């Protein structure tokens, strides 16, 4: 048997410095983790902002709907509205005009009680009807949009302590 010795080219893998490759990989992983973490935090922040704005939009839509609800009730009972039966904040009423017949004043009480029930669905919800004379009315709906305990009644809100409000002008 004849064994020949051949000279081989060095293997490139053997010539790499293994320690430097491992350290570089660890730095890459740490940077990638940092970038992904920042992205996830940003995404979560956007989600929270979207949820907050969606809830504010829902409250505003309901306030507008409630203002139009009482305006429709006033249009259906103009005699009581002109005589001032709808003026002021809604109060409690025990009259049930659905199952029995009512006069215009009782119907106004019933309407205001039904409106108060709707307003109670808003956070710190409140409302009022102002008779401006001549068949003109201003309907105001207020609510605590940020649930911060606001109590002010400026409309439009002048400060963070004021309730958010929506006003609807109605002419019969």
Protein backbone atom coordinates (compact mmCIF):
# COMPACT_ATOMS: atom_id res chain seq x y z
CA UNK A 1 0.00 0.00 0.00
CA UNK A 2 1.15 3.30 -1.00
CA UNK A 3 0.00 6.12 1.08
CA UNK A 4 0.46 9.49 -0.34
CA UNK A 5 0.33 12.57 1.65
CA UNK A 6 -1.74 15.25 0.07
CA UNK A 7 -1.71 18.80 1.13
CA UNK A 8 -5.22 20.10 1.52
CA UNK A 9 -6.43 23.66 1.55
CA UNK A 10 -7.39 24.84 5.00
CA UNK A 11 -11.08 24.63 5.83
CA UNK A 12 -12.58 28.11 6.11
CA UNK A 13 -14.86 27.14 8.95
CA UNK A 14 -11.88 26.16 11.04
CA UNK A 15 -10.22 29.50 10.44
CA UNK A 16 -13.11 31.63 11.84
CA UNK A 17 -12.81 32.94 15.33
CA UNK A 18 -15.72 31.25 17.06
CA UNK A 19 -15.72 33.59 20.07
CA UNK A 20 -16.24 36.76 18.02
CA UNK A 21 -19.15 35.20 16.08
CA UNK A 22 -20.99 34.25 19.27
CA UNK A 23 -20.64 37.71 20.83
CA UNK A 24 -21.88 39.44 17.71
CA UNK A 25 -24.94 37.16 17.59
CA UNK A 26 -25.83 37.96 21.20
CA UNK A 27 -25.72 41.71 20.51
CA UNK A 28 -27.97 41.23 17.49
CA UNK A 29 -30.49 39.31 19.58
CA UNK A 30 -30.51 42.00 22.28
CA UNK A 31 -31.02 44.81 19.75
CA UNK A 32 -33.78 42.86 17.99
CA UNK A 33 -35.51 42.22 21.32
CA UNK A 34 -35.31 45.90 22.17
CA UNK A 35 -36.76 46.96 18.79
CA UNK A 36 -39.59 44.42 18.96
CA UNK A 37 -40.40 45.45 22.55
CA UNK A 38 -40.61 49.11 21.56
CA UNK A 39 -42.89 48.18 18.65
CA UNK A 40 -45.20 46.13 20.87
CA UNK A 41 -45.43 48.92 23.44
CA UNK A 42 -46.29 51.37 20.65
CA UNK A 43 -48.93 49.01 19.29
CA UNK A 44 -50.50 48.58 22.74
CA UNK A 45 -50.57 52.36 23.16
CA UNK A 46 -52.36 52.76 19.83
CA UNK A 47 -54.90 50.12 20.83
CA UNK A 48 -55.65 51.88 24.12
CA UNK A 49 -56.02 55.22 22.34
CA UNK A 50 -58.40 53.66 19.81
CA UNK A 51 -60.51 52.11 22.56
CA UNK A 52 -60.73 55.43 24.45
CA UNK A 53 -61.74 57.36 21.34
CA UNK A 54 -64.31 54.71 20.42
CA UNK A 55 -65.91 55.02 23.84
CA UNK A 56 -65.95 58.84 23.63
CA UNK A 57 -67.57 58.58 20.19
CA UNK A 58 -70.19 56.20 21.54
CA UNK A 59 -71.06 58.59 24.38
CA UNK A 60 -71.37 61.53 21.98
CA UNK A 61 -73.58 59.52 19.62
CA UNK A 62 -75.86 58.52 22.47
CA UNK A 63 -76.08 62.12 23.72
CA UNK A 64 -77.14 63.30 20.27
CA UNK A 65 -79.66 60.48 20.04
CA UNK A 66 -81.12 61.37 23.46
CA UNK A 67 -81.43 65.04 22.51
CA UNK A 68 -83.33 64.08 19.37
CA UNK A 69 -85.50 61.71 21.43
CA UNK A 70 -86.84 64.52 23.62
CA UNK A 71 -87.15 66.84 20.61
CA UNK A 72 -89.42 64.28 18.93
CA UNK A 73 -91.47 64.01 22.12
CA UNK A 74 -91.80 67.81 22.25
CA UNK A 75 -92.90 67.91 18.60
CA UNK A 76 -95.54 65.29 19.38
CA UNK A 77 -96.90 67.37 22.29
CA UNK A 78 -96.49 71.02 21.23
CA UNK A 79 -99.26 72.39 23.47
CA UNK A 80 -97.53 71.18 26.63
CA UNK A 81 -94.16 72.38 25.34
CA UNK A 82 -95.37 75.91 24.66
CA UNK A 83 -97.06 76.06 28.08
CA UNK A 84 -93.69 75.15 29.71
CA UNK A 85 -94.38 71.57 30.79
CA UNK A 86 -91.04 70.37 29.34
CA UNK A 87 -88.93 73.18 30.84
CA UNK A 88 -86.05 72.42 33.18
CA UNK A 89 -84.46 69.16 34.15
CA UNK A 90 -86.58 66.00 33.94
CA UNK A 91 -88.20 64.77 37.10
CA UNK A 92 -89.67 61.50 38.25
CA UNK A 93 -93.17 60.58 37.15
CA UNK A 94 -95.42 57.71 38.09
CA UNK A 95 -97.80 58.30 35.18
CA UNK A 96 -97.88 55.53 32.59
CA UNK A 97 -99.26 57.01 29.39
CA UNK A 98 -98.72 53.77 27.46
CA UNK A 99 -101.42 51.78 29.22
CA UNK A 100 -103.81 54.67 29.95
CA UNK A 101 -104.82 57.92 28.33
CA UNK A 102 -103.14 61.09 29.57
CA UNK A 103 -103.66 64.79 29.18
CA UNK A 104 -100.86 66.91 27.67
CA UNK A 105 -99.30 67.75 31.06
CA UNK A 106 -99.21 64.11 32.13
CA UNK A 107 -97.75 63.18 28.75
CA UNK A 108 -94.99 65.78 29.27
CA UNK A 109 -94.22 64.28 32.71
CA UNK A 110 -94.14 60.80 31.20
CA UNK A 111 -91.87 61.97 28.37
CA UNK A 112 -89.47 63.66 30.75
CA UNK A 113 -89.32 60.57 32.96
CA UNK A 114 -88.56 58.39 29.93
CA UNK A 115 -85.86 60.90 28.88
CA UNK A 116 -84.36 60.86 32.39
CA UNK A 117 -84.11 57.08 32.17
CA UNK A 118 -82.13 57.47 28.94
CA UNK A 119 -79.88 60.18 30.38
CA UNK A 120 -79.05 57.94 33.35
CA UNK A 121 -77.27 55.63 30.88
CA UNK A 122 -74.60 58.32 30.34
CA UNK A 123 -71.89 58.76 32.99
CA UNK A 124 -73.20 61.60 35.21
CA UNK A 125 -75.84 62.16 32.53
CA UNK A 126 -78.12 65.17 32.86
CA UNK A 127 -80.33 67.17 30.57
CA UNK A 128 -82.58 70.18 30.43
CA UNK A 129 -85.08 71.81 28.09
CA UNK A 130 -85.15 75.61 27.93
CA UNK A 131 -88.21 77.35 26.50
CA UNK A 132 -86.86 80.39 24.63
CA UNK A 133 -90.41 81.70 23.84
CA UNK A 134 -91.97 81.89 20.43
CA UNK A 135 -91.90 78.12 20.00
CA UNK A 136 -88.10 77.93 20.23
CA UNK A 137 -86.39 75.49 22.61
CA UNK A 138 -82.80 74.63 23.55
CA UNK A 139 -82.21 71.04 24.55
CA UNK A 140 -78.99 70.41 26.48
CA UNK A 141 -77.49 67.01 27.30
CA UNK A 142 -74.47 66.79 29.64
CA UNK A 143 -72.22 63.89 30.60
CA UNK A 144 -68.83 63.21 32.19
CA UNK A 145 -66.95 62.01 29.13
CA UNK A 146 -63.69 61.21 30.93
CA UNK A 147 -65.39 59.93 34.09
CA UNK A 148 -63.28 62.35 36.08
CA UNK A 149 -65.96 63.60 38.46
CA UNK A 150 -66.55 66.81 36.51
CA UNK A 151 -69.55 68.83 37.65
CA UNK A 152 -69.36 72.16 35.82
CA UNK A 153 -72.20 73.18 33.54
CA UNK A 154 -70.57 75.55 31.02
CA UNK A 155 -71.66 74.70 27.51
CA UNK A 156 -69.40 74.41 25.59
CA UNK A 157 -67.06 73.19 28.33
CA UNK A 158 -64.66 75.94 29.40
CA UNK A 159 -62.46 73.78 31.66
CA UNK A 160 -61.70 70.16 32.51
CA UNK A 161 -64.08 70.46 35.45
CA UNK A 162 -67.05 71.03 33.11
CA UNK A 163 -69.24 68.23 31.87
CA UNK A 164 -69.19 67.60 28.13
CA UNK A 165 -72.38 68.89 26.53
CA UNK A 166 -74.47 68.81 23.40
CA UNK A 167 -77.10 71.43 22.59
CA UNK A 168 -79.91 71.13 20.09
CA UNK A 169 -82.05 74.10 19.06
CA UNK A 170 -85.63 73.23 18.21
CA UNK A 171 -88.31 75.42 16.70
CA UNK A 172 -91.92 74.22 16.56
